[in-house]
Amino acid sequence: MNDRDKAVPKPVRLVFELARADNPRLFDELVQFPQGVKRVNRLRVLAYDGLLAQFGVFALTSGITKPPPALPLTEVTNGLFEPALKE
């Protein structure tokens, strides 16, 4: 065995049984897919998304965005494009 073979980690193989009583939401999500590659890929995606959420890579948003506060300079600049004042 050379140094190159030592650097490559071995893949992780998992075999487990999941009952609905263990985690109903996860069970219901996975049971939608037939056994095999599609179900494994869905579990892989859910696990990866869970890791991203755990480490704060992305955060859930409420979907309601607040406009940025108007700065005084913005109001002055926008005033340049308004109709002329009547005297």
PDB file of N, CA and C in Angstrom:
ATOM      1  N   MET A   1       0.846  -1.175   0.000  1.00  0.00           N
ATOM      2  CA  MET A   1       0.000   0.000   0.000  1.00  0.00           C
ATOM      3  C   MET A   1       0.889   1.235   0.000  1.00  0.00           C
ATOM      4  N   ASN A   2       0.631   2.150  -0.907  1.00  0.00           N
ATOM      5  CA  ASN A   2       1.450   3.354  -0.961  1.00  0.00           C
ATOM      6  C   ASN A   2       0.736   4.506  -0.261  1.00  0.00           C
ATOM      7  N   ASP A   3       1.384   5.682  -0.226  1.00  0.00           N
ATOM      8  CA  ASP A   3       0.829   6.847   0.464  1.00  0.00           C
ATOM      9  C   ASP A   3      -0.469   7.327  -0.182  1.00  0.00           C
ATOM     10  N   ARG A   4      -0.575   7.174  -1.489  1.00  0.00           N
ATOM     11  CA  ARG A   4      -1.776   7.645  -2.207  1.00  0.00           C
ATOM     12  C   ARG A   4      -3.020   6.869  -1.763  1.00  0.00           C
ATOM     13  N   ASP A   5      -2.890   5.574  -1.558  1.00  0.00           N
ATOM     14  CA  ASP A   5      -4.011   4.753  -1.118  1.00  0.00           C
ATOM     15  C   ASP A   5      -4.442   5.105   0.308  1.00  0.00           C
ATOM     16  N   LYS A   6      -3.509   5.510   1.124  1.00  0.00           N
ATOM     17  CA  LYS A   6      -3.834   5.865   2.503  1.00  0.00           C
ATOM     18  C   LYS A   6      -4.607   7.179   2.586  1.00  0.00           C
ATOM     19  N   ALA A   7      -4.389   8.079   1.645  1.00  0.00           N
ATOM     20  CA  ALA A   7      -5.018   9.398   1.693  1.00  0.00           C
ATOM     21  C   ALA A   7      -6.496   9.358   1.304  1.00  0.00           C
ATOM     22  N   VAL A   8      -6.914   8.385   0.530  1.00  0.00           N
ATOM     23  CA  VAL A   8      -8.294   8.309   0.071  1.00  0.00           C
ATOM     24  C   VAL A   8      -9.129   7.602   1.137  1.00  0.00           C
ATOM     25  N   PRO A   9     -10.100   8.332   1.742  1.00  0.00           N
ATOM     26  CA  PRO A   9     -10.920   7.679   2.764  1.00  0.00           C
ATOM     27  C   PRO A   9     -11.882   6.662   2.151  1.00  0.00           C
ATOM     28  N   LYS A  10     -12.174   5.635   2.904  1.00  0.00           N
ATOM     29  CA  LYS A  10     -13.103   4.612   2.442  1.00  0.00           C
ATOM     30  C   LYS A  10     -14.529   5.158   2.532  1.00  0.00           C
ATOM     31  N   PRO A  11     -15.401   4.751   1.621  1.00  0.00           N
ATOM     32  CA  PRO A  11     -16.789   5.205   1.700  1.00  0.00           C
ATOM     33  C   PRO A  11     -17.486   4.627   2.933  1.00  0.00           C
ATOM     34  N   VAL A  12     -18.478   5.348   3.400  1.00  0.00           N
ATOM     35  CA  VAL A  12     -19.259   4.922   4.558  1.00  0.00           C
ATOM     36  C   VAL A  12     -20.495   4.186   4.051  1.00  0.00           C
ATOM     37  N   ARG A  13     -20.706   2.986   4.558  1.00  0.00           N
ATOM     38  CA  ARG A  13     -21.893   2.205   4.183  1.00  0.00           C
ATOM     39  C   ARG A  13     -22.804   2.146   5.395  1.00  0.00           C
ATOM     40  N   LEU A  14     -24.069   2.460   5.175  1.00  0.00           N
ATOM     41  CA  LEU A  14     -25.038   2.438   6.258  1.00  0.00           C
ATOM     42  C   LEU A  14     -26.161   1.469   5.940  1.00  0.00           C
ATOM     43  N   VAL A  15     -26.508   0.678   6.897  1.00  0.00           N
ATOM     44  CA  VAL A  15     -27.676  -0.189   6.796  1.00  0.00           C
ATOM     45  C   VAL A  15     -28.443   0.026   8.098  1.00  0.00           C
ATOM     46  N   PHE A  16     -29.653   0.554   7.993  1.00  0.00           N
ATOM     47  CA  PHE A  16     -30.429   0.791   9.204  1.00  0.00           C
ATOM     48  C   PHE A  16     -31.906   0.598   8.917  1.00  0.00           C
ATOM     49  N   GLU A  17     -32.653   0.446   9.967  1.00  0.00           N
ATOM     50  CA  GLU A  17     -34.097   0.278   9.869  1.00  0.00           C
ATOM     51  C   GLU A  17     -34.744   1.491  10.512  1.00  0.00           C
ATOM     52  N   LEU A  18     -35.693   2.088   9.812  1.00  0.00           N
ATOM     53  CA  LEU A  18     -36.380   3.273  10.311  1.00  0.00           C
ATOM     54  C   LEU A  18     -37.865   2.958  10.412  1.00  0.00           C
ATOM     55  N   ALA A  19     -38.395   3.036  11.602  1.00  0.00           N
ATOM     56  CA  ALA A  19     -39.832   2.832  11.813  1.00  0.00           C
ATOM     57  C   ALA A  19     -40.504   4.198  11.896  1.00  0.00           C
ATOM     58  N   ARG A  20     -41.764   4.236  11.566  1.00  0.00           N
ATOM     59  CA  ARG A  20     -42.496   5.507  11.602  1.00  0.00           C
ATOM     60  C   ARG A  20     -42.502   6.085  13.017  1.00  0.00           C
ATOM     61  N   ALA A  21     -42.511   5.229  14.017  1.00  0.00           N
ATOM     62  CA  ALA A  21     -42.508   5.689  15.407  1.00  0.00           C
ATOM     63  C   ALA A  21     -41.201   6.412  15.763  1.00  0.00           C
ATOM     64  N   ASP A  22     -40.116   6.063  15.090  1.00  0.00           N
ATOM     65  CA  ASP A  22     -38.820   6.709  15.364  1.00  0.00           C
ATOM     66  C   ASP A  22     -38.813   8.171  14.930  1.00  0.00           C
ATOM     67  N   ASN A  23     -39.271   8.419  13.723  1.00  0.00           N
ATOM     68  CA  ASN A  23     -39.270   9.781  13.177  1.00  0.00           C
ATOM     69  C   ASN A  23     -40.343   9.860  12.086  1.00  0.00           C
ATOM     70  N   PRO A  24     -41.563  10.225  12.454  1.00  0.00           N
ATOM     71  CA  PRO A  24     -42.671  10.191  11.494  1.00  0.00           C
ATOM     72  C   PRO A  24     -42.458  11.067  10.254  1.00  0.00           C
ATOM     73  N   ARG A  25     -41.911  12.250  10.423  1.00  0.00           N
ATOM     74  CA  ARG A  25     -41.722  13.142   9.264  1.00  0.00           C
ATOM     75  C   ARG A  25     -40.711  12.575   8.286  1.00  0.00           C
ATOM     76  N   LEU A  26     -39.604  12.078   8.804  1.00  0.00           N
ATOM     77  CA  LEU A  26     -38.590  11.490   7.939  1.00  0.00           C
ATOM     78  C   LEU A  26     -39.116  10.228   7.267  1.00  0.00           C
ATOM     79  N   PHE A  27     -39.822   9.405   8.010  1.00  0.00           N
ATOM     80  CA  PHE A  27     -40.385   8.180   7.463  1.00  0.00           C
ATOM     81  C   PHE A  27     -41.358   8.497   6.320  1.00  0.00           C
ATOM     82  N   ASP A  28     -42.272   9.449   6.555  1.00  0.00           N
ATOM     83  CA  ASP A  28     -43.254   9.808   5.528  1.00  0.00           C
ATOM     84  C   ASP A  28     -42.586  10.376   4.274  1.00  0.00           C
ATOM     85  N   GLU A  29     -41.509  11.110   4.467  1.00  0.00           N
ATOM     86  CA  GLU A  29     -40.782  11.678   3.326  1.00  0.00           C
ATOM     87  C   GLU A  29     -40.112  10.578   2.508  1.00  0.00           C
ATOM     88  N   LEU A  30     -39.482   9.636   3.185  1.00  0.00           N
ATOM     89  CA  LEU A  30     -38.728   8.594   2.479  1.00  0.00           C
ATOM     90  C   LEU A  30     -39.622   7.519   1.870  1.00  0.00           C
ATOM     91  N   VAL A  31     -40.770   7.262   2.481  1.00  0.00           N
ATOM     92  CA  VAL A  31     -41.635   6.199   1.986  1.00  0.00           C
ATOM     93  C   VAL A  31     -42.289   6.588   0.656  1.00  0.00           C
ATOM     94  N   GLN A  32     -42.238   7.860   0.297  1.00  0.00           N
ATOM     95  CA  GLN A  32     -42.783   8.316  -0.989  1.00  0.00           C
ATOM     96  C   GLN A  32     -41.995   7.755  -2.167  1.00  0.00           C
ATOM     97  N   PHE A  33     -40.748   7.395  -1.933  1.00  0.00           N
ATOM     98  CA  PHE A  33     -39.875   6.934  -3.001  1.00  0.00           C
ATOM     99  C   PHE A  33     -39.755   5.417  -2.955  1.00  0.00           C
ATOM    100  N   PRO A  34     -39.652   4.789  -4.122  1.00  0.00           N
ATOM    101  CA  PRO A  34     -39.462   3.336  -4.128  1.00  0.00           C
ATOM    102  C   PRO A  34     -38.090   2.989  -3.537  1.00  0.00           C
ATOM    103  N   GLN A  35     -37.965   1.769  -3.069  1.00  0.00           N
ATOM    104  CA  GLN A  35     -36.686   1.333  -2.520  1.00  0.00           C
ATOM    105  C   GLN A  35     -35.611   1.450  -3.588  1.00  0.00           C
ATOM    106  N   GLY A  36     -34.436   1.807  -3.163  1.00  0.00           N
ATOM    107  CA  GLY A  36     -33.326   1.863  -4.097  1.00  0.00           C
ATOM    108  C   GLY A  36     -32.688   3.236  -4.164  1.00  0.00           C
ATOM    109  N   VAL A  37     -32.201   3.554  -5.343  1.00  0.00           N
ATOM    110  CA  VAL A  37     -31.379   4.743  -5.558  1.00  0.00           C
ATOM    111  C   VAL A  37     -32.129   6.032  -5.231  1.00  0.00           C
ATOM    112  N   LYS A  38     -33.377   6.140  -5.637  1.00  0.00           N
ATOM    113  CA  LYS A  38     -34.117   7.383  -5.397  1.00  0.00           C
ATOM    114  C   LYS A  38     -34.288   7.650  -3.907  1.00  0.00           C
ATOM    115  N   ARG A  39     -34.595   6.619  -3.163  1.00  0.00           N
ATOM    116  CA  ARG A  39     -34.777   6.792  -1.719  1.00  0.00           C
ATOM    117  C   ARG A  39     -33.447   7.136  -1.051  1.00  0.00           C
ATOM    118  N   VAL A  40     -32.391   6.489  -1.466  1.00  0.00           N
ATOM    119  CA  VAL A  40     -31.064   6.763  -0.900  1.00  0.00           C
ATOM    120  C   VAL A  40     -30.634   8.193  -1.226  1.00  0.00           C
ATOM    121  N   ASN A  41     -30.870   8.624  -2.459  1.00  0.00           N
ATOM    122  CA  ASN A  41     -30.503   9.989  -2.839  1.00  0.00           C
ATOM    123  C   ASN A  41     -31.303  11.023  -2.055  1.00  0.00           C
ATOM    124  N   ARG A  42     -32.585  10.750  -1.802  1.00  0.00           N
ATOM    125  CA  ARG A  42     -33.394  11.685  -1.017  1.00  0.00           C
ATOM    126  C   ARG A  42     -32.866  11.771   0.403  1.00  0.00           C
ATOM    127  N   LEU A  43     -32.511  10.652   0.984  1.00  0.00           N
ATOM    128  CA  LEU A  43     -31.941  10.651   2.330  1.00  0.00           C
ATOM    129  C   LEU A  43     -30.625  11.417   2.342  1.00  0.00           C
ATOM    130  N   ARG A  44     -29.828  11.246   1.305  1.00  0.00           N
ATOM    131  CA  ARG A  44     -28.552  11.961   1.210  1.00  0.00           C
ATOM    132  C   ARG A  44     -28.774  13.473   1.151  1.00  0.00           C
ATOM    133  N   VAL A  45     -29.755  13.909   0.365  1.00  0.00           N
ATOM    134  CA  VAL A  45     -30.057  15.344   0.247  1.00  0.00           C
ATOM    135  C   VAL A  45     -30.560  15.896   1.580  1.00  0.00           C
ATOM    136  N   LEU A  46     -31.450  15.162   2.235  1.00  0.00           N
ATOM    137  CA  LEU A  46     -31.966  15.615   3.525  1.00  0.00           C
ATOM    138  C   LEU A  46     -30.856  15.718   4.560  1.00  0.00           C
ATOM    139  N   ALA A  47     -29.944  14.768   4.559  1.00  0.00           N
ATOM    140  CA  ALA A  47     -28.831  14.798   5.507  1.00  0.00           C
ATOM    141  C   ALA A  47     -27.914  15.987   5.228  1.00  0.00           C
ATOM    142  N   TYR A  48     -27.643  16.243   3.963  1.00  0.00           N
ATOM    143  CA  TYR A  48     -26.766  17.365   3.612  1.00  0.00           C
ATOM    144  C   TYR A  48     -27.416  18.698   3.972  1.00  0.00           C
ATOM    145  N   ASP A  49     -28.709  18.839   3.682  1.00  0.00           N
ATOM    146  CA  ASP A  49     -29.423  20.064   4.051  1.00  0.00           C
ATOM    147  C   ASP A  49     -29.437  20.254   5.561  1.00  0.00           C
ATOM    148  N   GLY A  50     -29.568  19.149   6.288  1.00  0.00           N
ATOM    149  CA  GLY A  50     -29.532  19.225   7.737  1.00  0.00           C
ATOM    150  C   GLY A  50     -28.190  19.709   8.249  1.00  0.00           C
ATOM    151  N   LEU A  51     -27.122  19.256   7.630  1.00  0.00           N
ATOM    152  CA  LEU A  51     -25.789  19.727   8.025  1.00  0.00           C
ATOM    153  C   LEU A  51     -25.617  21.219   7.741  1.00  0.00           C
ATOM    154  N   LEU A  52     -26.094  21.649   6.572  1.00  0.00           N
ATOM    155  CA  LEU A  52     -25.996  23.072   6.248  1.00  0.00           C
ATOM    156  C   LEU A  52     -26.776  23.918   7.249  1.00  0.00           C
ATOM    157  N   ALA A  53     -27.956  23.472   7.604  1.00  0.00           N
ATOM    158  CA  ALA A  53     -28.763  24.207   8.579  1.00  0.00           C
ATOM    159  C   ALA A  53     -28.110  24.198   9.958  1.00  0.00           C
ATOM    160  N   GLN A  54     -27.542  23.072  10.327  1.00  0.00           N
ATOM    161  CA  GLN A  54     -26.906  22.955  11.640  1.00  0.00           C
ATOM    162  C   GLN A  54     -25.725  23.907  11.774  1.00  0.00           C
ATOM    163  N   PHE A  55     -24.962  24.060  10.709  1.00  0.00           N
ATOM    164  CA  PHE A  55     -23.793  24.929  10.764  1.00  0.00           C
ATOM    165  C   PHE A  55     -24.102  26.355  10.341  1.00  0.00           C
ATOM    166  N   GLY A  56     -25.378  26.662  10.101  1.00  0.00           N
ATOM    167  CA  GLY A  56     -25.784  28.030   9.816  1.00  0.00           C
ATOM    168  C   GLY A  56     -25.380  28.527   8.452  1.00  0.00           C
ATOM    169  N   VAL A  57     -25.164  27.637   7.492  1.00  0.00           N
ATOM    170  CA  VAL A  57     -24.786  28.065   6.151  1.00  0.00           C
ATOM    171  C   VAL A  57     -25.942  28.805   5.501  1.00  0.00           C
ATOM    172  N   PHE A  58     -27.149  28.352   5.749  1.00  0.00           N
ATOM    173  CA  PHE A  58     -28.314  29.089   5.298  1.00  0.00           C
ATOM    174  C   PHE A  58     -29.322  29.111   6.429  1.00  0.00           C
ATOM    175  N   ALA A  59     -30.121  30.143   6.443  1.00  0.00           N
ATOM    176  CA  ALA A  59     -31.122  30.284   7.500  1.00  0.00           C
ATOM    177  C   ALA A  59     -32.497  30.376   6.864  1.00  0.00           C
ATOM    178  N   LEU A  60     -33.468  29.904   7.582  1.00  0.00           N
ATOM    179  CA  LEU A  60     -34.833  30.002   7.084  1.00  0.00           C
ATOM    180  C   LEU A  60     -35.293  31.448   7.185  1.00  0.00           C
ATOM    181  N   THR A  61     -35.971  31.904   6.167  1.00  0.00           N
ATOM    182  CA  THR A  61     -36.512  33.259   6.187  1.00  0.00           C
ATOM    183  C   THR A  61     -38.018  33.179   6.182  1.00  0.00           C
ATOM    184  N   SER A  62     -38.634  34.211   6.689  1.00  0.00           N
ATOM    185  CA  SER A  62     -40.087  34.216   6.764  1.00  0.00           C
ATOM    186  C   SER A  62     -40.721  34.525   5.416  1.00  0.00           C
ATOM    187  N   GLY A  63     -39.954  34.958   4.455  1.00  0.00           N
ATOM    188  CA  GLY A  63     -40.498  35.289   3.146  1.00  0.00           C
ATOM    189  C   GLY A  63     -40.923  36.749   3.058  1.00  0.00           C
ATOM    190  N   ILE A  64     -40.973  37.412   4.192  1.00  0.00           N
ATOM    191  CA  ILE A  64     -41.345  38.825   4.209  1.00  0.00           C
ATOM    192  C   ILE A  64     -40.058  39.626   4.308  1.00  0.00           C
ATOM    193  N   THR A  65     -39.818  40.413   3.307  1.00  0.00           N
ATOM    194  CA  THR A  65     -38.602  41.221   3.320  1.00  0.00           C
ATOM    195  C   THR A  65     -38.951  42.659   3.647  1.00  0.00           C
ATOM    196  N   LYS A  66     -38.096  43.271   4.386  1.00  0.00           N
ATOM    197  CA  LYS A  66     -38.281  44.676   4.738  1.00  0.00           C
ATOM    198  C   LYS A  66     -37.469  45.520   3.769  1.00  0.00           C
ATOM    199  N   PRO A  67     -38.046  46.605   3.285  1.00  0.00           N
ATOM    200  CA  PRO A  67     -37.246  47.480   2.426  1.00  0.00           C
ATOM    201  C   PRO A  67     -36.153  48.139   3.255  1.00  0.00           C
ATOM    202  N   PRO A  68     -35.025  48.416   2.643  1.00  0.00           N
ATOM    203  CA  PRO A  68     -33.959  49.078   3.398  1.00  0.00           C
ATOM    204  C   PRO A  68     -34.404  50.479   3.803  1.00  0.00           C
ATOM    205  N   PRO A  69     -33.910  50.964   4.921  1.00  0.00           N
ATOM    206  CA  PRO A  69     -34.317  52.304   5.358  1.00  0.00           C
ATOM    207  C   PRO A  69     -33.865  53.353   4.344  1.00  0.00           C
ATOM    208  N   ALA A  70     -34.730  54.322   4.116  1.00  0.00           N
ATOM    209  CA  ALA A  70     -34.414  55.392   3.165  1.00  0.00           C
ATOM    210  C   ALA A  70     -33.375  56.328   3.786  1.00  0.00           C
ATOM    211  N   LEU A  71     -32.347  56.592   3.051  1.00  0.00           N
ATOM    212  CA  LEU A  71     -31.309  57.500   3.517  1.00  0.00           C
ATOM    213  C   LEU A  71     -31.617  58.905   3.010  1.00  0.00           C
ATOM    214  N   PRO A  72     -31.241  59.930   3.739  1.00  0.00           N
ATOM    215  CA  PRO A  72     -31.512  61.305   3.293  1.00  0.00           C
ATOM    216  C   PRO A  72     -30.929  61.592   1.914  1.00  0.00           C
ATOM    217  N   LEU A  73     -29.772  61.060   1.584  1.00  0.00           N
ATOM    218  CA  LEU A  73     -29.167  61.306   0.282  1.00  0.00           C
ATOM    219  C   LEU A  73     -30.012  60.706  -0.835  1.00  0.00           C
ATOM    220  N   THR A  74     -30.653  59.610  -0.554  1.00  0.00           N
ATOM    221  CA  THR A  74     -31.505  58.978  -1.548  1.00  0.00           C
ATOM    222  C   THR A  74     -32.681  59.884  -1.878  1.00  0.00           C
ATOM    223  N   GLU A  75     -33.256  60.494  -0.860  1.00  0.00           N
ATOM    224  CA  GLU A  75     -34.394  61.382  -1.079  1.00  0.00           C
ATOM    225  C   GLU A  75     -33.985  62.593  -1.919  1.00  0.00           C
ATOM    226  N   VAL A  76     -32.808  63.122  -1.678  1.00  0.00           N
ATOM    227  CA  VAL A  76     -32.331  64.268  -2.451  1.00  0.00           C
ATOM    228  C   VAL A  76     -32.122  63.870  -3.908  1.00  0.00           C
ATOM    229  N   THR A  77     -31.494  62.723  -4.119  1.00  0.00           N
ATOM    230  CA  THR A  77     -31.251  62.272  -5.480  1.00  0.00           C
ATOM    231  C   THR A  77     -32.554  62.012  -6.211  1.00  0.00           C
ATOM    232  N   ASN A  78     -33.500  61.389  -5.547  1.00  0.00           N
ATOM    233  CA  ASN A  78     -34.789  61.128  -6.178  1.00  0.00           C
ATOM    234  C   ASN A  78     -35.532  62.432  -6.458  1.00  0.00           C
ATOM    235  N   GLY A  79     -35.307  63.465  -5.668  1.00  0.00           N
ATOM    236  CA  GLY A  79     -35.948  64.756  -5.882  1.00  0.00           C
ATOM    237  C   GLY A  79     -35.510  65.409  -7.180  1.00  0.00           C
ATOM    238  N   LEU A  80     -34.348  65.073  -7.685  1.00  0.00           N
ATOM    239  CA  LEU A  80     -33.881  65.634  -8.948  1.00  0.00           C
ATOM    240  C   LEU A  80     -34.758  65.212 -10.117  1.00  0.00           C
ATOM    241  N   PHE A  81     -35.410  64.081 -10.002  1.00  0.00           N
ATOM    242  CA  PHE A  81     -36.180  63.544 -11.104  1.00  0.00           C
ATOM    243  C   PHE A  81     -37.682  63.795 -10.954  1.00  0.00           C
ATOM    244  N   GLU A  82     -38.071  64.554  -9.954  1.00  0.00           N
ATOM    245  CA  GLU A  82     -39.474  64.903  -9.774  1.00  0.00           C
ATOM    246  C   GLU A  82     -39.832  66.080 -10.678  1.00  0.00           C
ATOM    247  N   PRO A  83     -41.124  66.304 -10.915  1.00  0.00           N
ATOM    248  CA  PRO A  83     -41.529  67.460 -11.724  1.00  0.00           C
ATOM    249  C   PRO A  83     -41.077  68.769 -11.061  1.00  0.00           C
ATOM    250  N   ALA A  84     -40.907  69.778 -11.869  1.00  0.00           N
ATOM    251  CA  ALA A  84     -40.448  71.081 -11.365  1.00  0.00           C
ATOM    252  C   ALA A  84     -41.492  71.674 -10.424  1.00  0.00           C
ATOM    253  N   LEU A  85     -41.017  72.484  -9.484  1.00  0.00           N
ATOM    254  CA  LEU A  85     -41.915  73.138  -8.543  1.00  0.00           C
ATOM    255  C   LEU A  85     -42.654  74.273  -9.244  1.00  0.00           C
ATOM    256  N   LYS A  86     -43.923  74.433  -8.928  1.00  0.00           N
ATOM    257  CA  LYS A  86     -44.700  75.548  -9.481  1.00  0.00           C
ATOM    258  C   LYS A  86     -44.524  76.748  -8.578  1.00  0.00           C
ATOM    259  N   GLU A  87     -44.306  77.904  -9.155  1.00  0.00           N
ATOM    260  CA  GLU A  87     -44.091  79.105  -8.347  1.00  0.00           C
ATOM    261  C   GLU A  87     -45.348  79.900  -8.200  1.00  0.00           C
TER     262      GLU A  87
END
